[in-house]
Amino acid sequence: MARLRITQTKSVITESPQHRGTLRALGLRRIGRSVEHEESPQLAGMLKKVNHLVKVEELR
C-alpha cells in the first residue's frame, strides 16, 4: 500500500459540518498543515468528499 501526504489548502469556514468533520477525522486543523496516511478505501472516500479543500501527494 502507498502512503499519501494530504495537505489542507483551503479554509473550512464556509463548508458544511460534514466536510469539517471529515477534515478533523483526517487530522487536519489548519491551512498548510499536512498529514500522512496509508492508502485505503475509507481514505479514498474521505478524500473524494473534500477534494476541493486538500492536495494529495503519493509518497514513495
N, C-alpha and C. Protein backbone atom coordinates (compact mmCIF):
# COMPACT_ATOMS: atom_id res chain seq x y z
N MET A 1 0.84 -1.19 0.00
CA MET A 1 0.00 0.00 0.00
C MET A 1 0.88 1.25 0.00
N ALA A 2 0.41 2.26 -0.69
CA ALA A 2 1.14 3.52 -0.79
C ALA A 2 0.80 4.43 0.38
N ARG A 3 1.73 5.30 0.69
CA ARG A 3 1.47 6.34 1.69
C ARG A 3 1.12 7.63 0.95
N LEU A 4 0.18 8.37 1.50
CA LEU A 4 -0.26 9.61 0.91
C LEU A 4 -0.01 10.76 1.87
N ARG A 5 0.45 11.88 1.34
CA ARG A 5 0.57 13.11 2.13
C ARG A 5 -0.60 14.00 1.73
N ILE A 6 -1.38 14.40 2.71
CA ILE A 6 -2.59 15.20 2.48
C ILE A 6 -2.36 16.56 3.13
N THR A 7 -2.50 17.62 2.34
CA THR A 7 -2.28 18.99 2.82
C THR A 7 -3.55 19.79 2.65
N GLN A 8 -3.97 20.46 3.70
CA GLN A 8 -5.15 21.32 3.61
C GLN A 8 -4.76 22.60 2.90
N THR A 9 -5.51 22.97 1.85
CA THR A 9 -5.18 24.14 1.05
C THR A 9 -6.21 25.27 1.17
N LYS A 10 -7.39 24.95 1.67
CA LYS A 10 -8.44 25.98 1.76
C LYS A 10 -9.11 25.94 3.13
N SER A 11 -9.76 27.03 3.47
CA SER A 11 -10.45 27.17 4.75
C SER A 11 -11.76 26.38 4.76
N VAL A 12 -12.18 25.99 5.96
CA VAL A 12 -13.44 25.27 6.11
C VAL A 12 -14.56 26.16 6.67
N ILE A 13 -14.32 27.45 6.73
CA ILE A 13 -15.29 28.36 7.33
C ILE A 13 -16.66 28.27 6.67
N THR A 14 -16.70 28.22 5.35
CA THR A 14 -17.99 28.20 4.65
C THR A 14 -18.47 26.79 4.31
N GLU A 15 -17.75 25.79 4.76
CA GLU A 15 -18.09 24.40 4.41
C GLU A 15 -19.13 23.82 5.36
N SER A 16 -19.74 22.73 4.92
CA SER A 16 -20.76 22.06 5.73
C SER A 16 -20.11 21.36 6.93
N PRO A 17 -20.88 21.09 7.95
CA PRO A 17 -20.35 20.38 9.12
C PRO A 17 -19.78 19.01 8.76
N GLN A 18 -20.33 18.36 7.74
CA GLN A 18 -19.79 17.06 7.31
C GLN A 18 -18.38 17.20 6.76
N HIS A 19 -18.13 18.24 5.98
CA HIS A 19 -16.80 18.45 5.43
C HIS A 19 -15.82 18.82 6.54
N ARG A 20 -16.25 19.63 7.47
CA ARG A 20 -15.39 19.98 8.60
C ARG A 20 -15.01 18.74 9.40
N GLY A 21 -16.00 17.88 9.63
CA GLY A 21 -15.77 16.66 10.38
C GLY A 21 -14.82 15.72 9.65
N THR A 22 -14.94 15.66 8.34
CA THR A 22 -14.05 14.80 7.55
C THR A 22 -12.61 15.28 7.66
N LEU A 23 -12.39 16.58 7.58
CA LEU A 23 -11.03 17.10 7.73
C LEU A 23 -10.48 16.83 9.13
N ARG A 24 -11.32 16.97 10.14
CA ARG A 24 -10.90 16.67 11.51
C ARG A 24 -10.50 15.20 11.64
N ALA A 25 -11.30 14.32 11.03
CA ALA A 25 -11.02 12.88 11.09
C ALA A 25 -9.71 12.55 10.37
N LEU A 26 -9.38 13.32 9.34
CA LEU A 26 -8.11 13.12 8.65
C LEU A 26 -6.94 13.62 9.47
N GLY A 27 -7.21 14.46 10.47
CA GLY A 27 -6.15 15.01 11.30
C GLY A 27 -5.71 16.39 10.88
N LEU A 28 -6.49 17.05 10.04
CA LEU A 28 -6.15 18.39 9.56
C LEU A 28 -6.89 19.44 10.37
N ARG A 29 -6.18 20.47 10.76
CA ARG A 29 -6.77 21.51 11.59
C ARG A 29 -6.63 22.91 10.98
N ARG A 30 -5.55 23.13 10.22
CA ARG A 30 -5.29 24.47 9.68
C ARG A 30 -4.80 24.40 8.26
N ILE A 31 -4.93 25.50 7.54
CA ILE A 31 -4.44 25.60 6.17
C ILE A 31 -2.92 25.44 6.20
N GLY A 32 -2.41 24.64 5.27
CA GLY A 32 -0.97 24.45 5.16
C GLY A 32 -0.44 23.27 5.95
N ARG A 33 -1.25 22.69 6.82
CA ARG A 33 -0.80 21.54 7.61
C ARG A 33 -0.93 20.27 6.78
N SER A 34 -0.02 19.32 7.01
CA SER A 34 -0.02 18.06 6.28
C SER A 34 -0.07 16.88 7.24
N VAL A 35 -0.64 15.80 6.76
CA VAL A 35 -0.66 14.53 7.49
C VAL A 35 -0.34 13.42 6.49
N GLU A 36 0.14 12.30 7.00
CA GLU A 36 0.42 11.15 6.15
C GLU A 36 -0.45 9.98 6.58
N HIS A 37 -1.04 9.29 5.60
CA HIS A 37 -1.89 8.14 5.87
C HIS A 37 -1.59 7.05 4.86
N GLU A 38 -1.87 5.81 5.24
CA GLU A 38 -1.80 4.68 4.31
C GLU A 38 -3.04 4.73 3.41
N GLU A 39 -2.86 4.41 2.15
CA GLU A 39 -3.96 4.39 1.21
C GLU A 39 -4.93 3.25 1.56
N SER A 40 -6.23 3.57 1.55
CA SER A 40 -7.26 2.58 1.86
C SER A 40 -8.57 3.03 1.21
N PRO A 41 -9.54 2.13 1.10
CA PRO A 41 -10.84 2.52 0.53
C PRO A 41 -11.54 3.59 1.37
N GLN A 42 -11.39 3.50 2.70
CA GLN A 42 -12.02 4.50 3.57
C GLN A 42 -11.39 5.88 3.35
N LEU A 43 -10.09 5.90 3.22
CA LEU A 43 -9.39 7.17 2.99
C LEU A 43 -9.78 7.75 1.63
N ALA A 44 -9.90 6.91 0.62
CA ALA A 44 -10.29 7.36 -0.72
C ALA A 44 -11.67 8.03 -0.68
N GLY A 45 -12.59 7.47 0.08
CA GLY A 45 -13.92 8.07 0.21
C GLY A 45 -13.88 9.42 0.90
N MET A 46 -13.05 9.52 1.94
CA MET A 46 -12.93 10.79 2.65
C MET A 46 -12.32 11.86 1.75
N LEU A 47 -11.30 11.48 0.98
CA LEU A 47 -10.64 12.44 0.09
C LEU A 47 -11.56 12.87 -1.04
N LYS A 48 -12.40 11.97 -1.51
CA LYS A 48 -13.35 12.32 -2.56
C LYS A 48 -14.34 13.38 -2.06
N LYS A 49 -14.69 13.29 -0.79
CA LYS A 49 -15.66 14.21 -0.18
C LYS A 49 -15.09 15.62 -0.04
N VAL A 50 -13.78 15.72 0.23
CA VAL A 50 -13.17 17.04 0.49
C VAL A 50 -12.06 17.36 -0.50
N ASN A 51 -12.13 16.82 -1.72
CA ASN A 51 -11.04 17.02 -2.68
C ASN A 51 -10.83 18.48 -3.05
N HIS A 52 -11.84 19.33 -2.89
CA HIS A 52 -11.71 20.75 -3.21
C HIS A 52 -10.99 21.53 -2.10
N LEU A 53 -10.72 20.88 -0.97
CA LEU A 53 -10.07 21.55 0.17
C LEU A 53 -8.65 21.07 0.42
N VAL A 54 -8.23 20.01 -0.25
CA VAL A 54 -6.93 19.41 0.04
C VAL A 54 -6.13 19.15 -1.22
N LYS A 55 -4.82 18.94 -1.02
CA LYS A 55 -3.91 18.50 -2.07
C LYS A 55 -3.34 17.17 -1.62
N VAL A 56 -3.32 16.19 -2.52
CA VAL A 56 -2.86 14.84 -2.18
C VAL A 56 -1.62 14.50 -3.00
N GLU A 57 -0.57 14.01 -2.32
CA GLU A 57 0.65 13.58 -2.98
C GLU A 57 0.95 12.16 -2.55
N GLU A 58 1.44 11.37 -3.49
CA GLU A 58 1.84 10.00 -3.17
C GLU A 58 3.30 10.00 -2.77
N LEU A 59 3.62 9.37 -1.65
CA LEU A 59 4.98 9.26 -1.17
C LEU A 59 5.56 7.92 -1.59
N ARG A 60 6.85 7.87 -1.80
CA ARG A 60 7.49 6.60 -2.19
C ARG A 60 8.47 6.15 -1.17
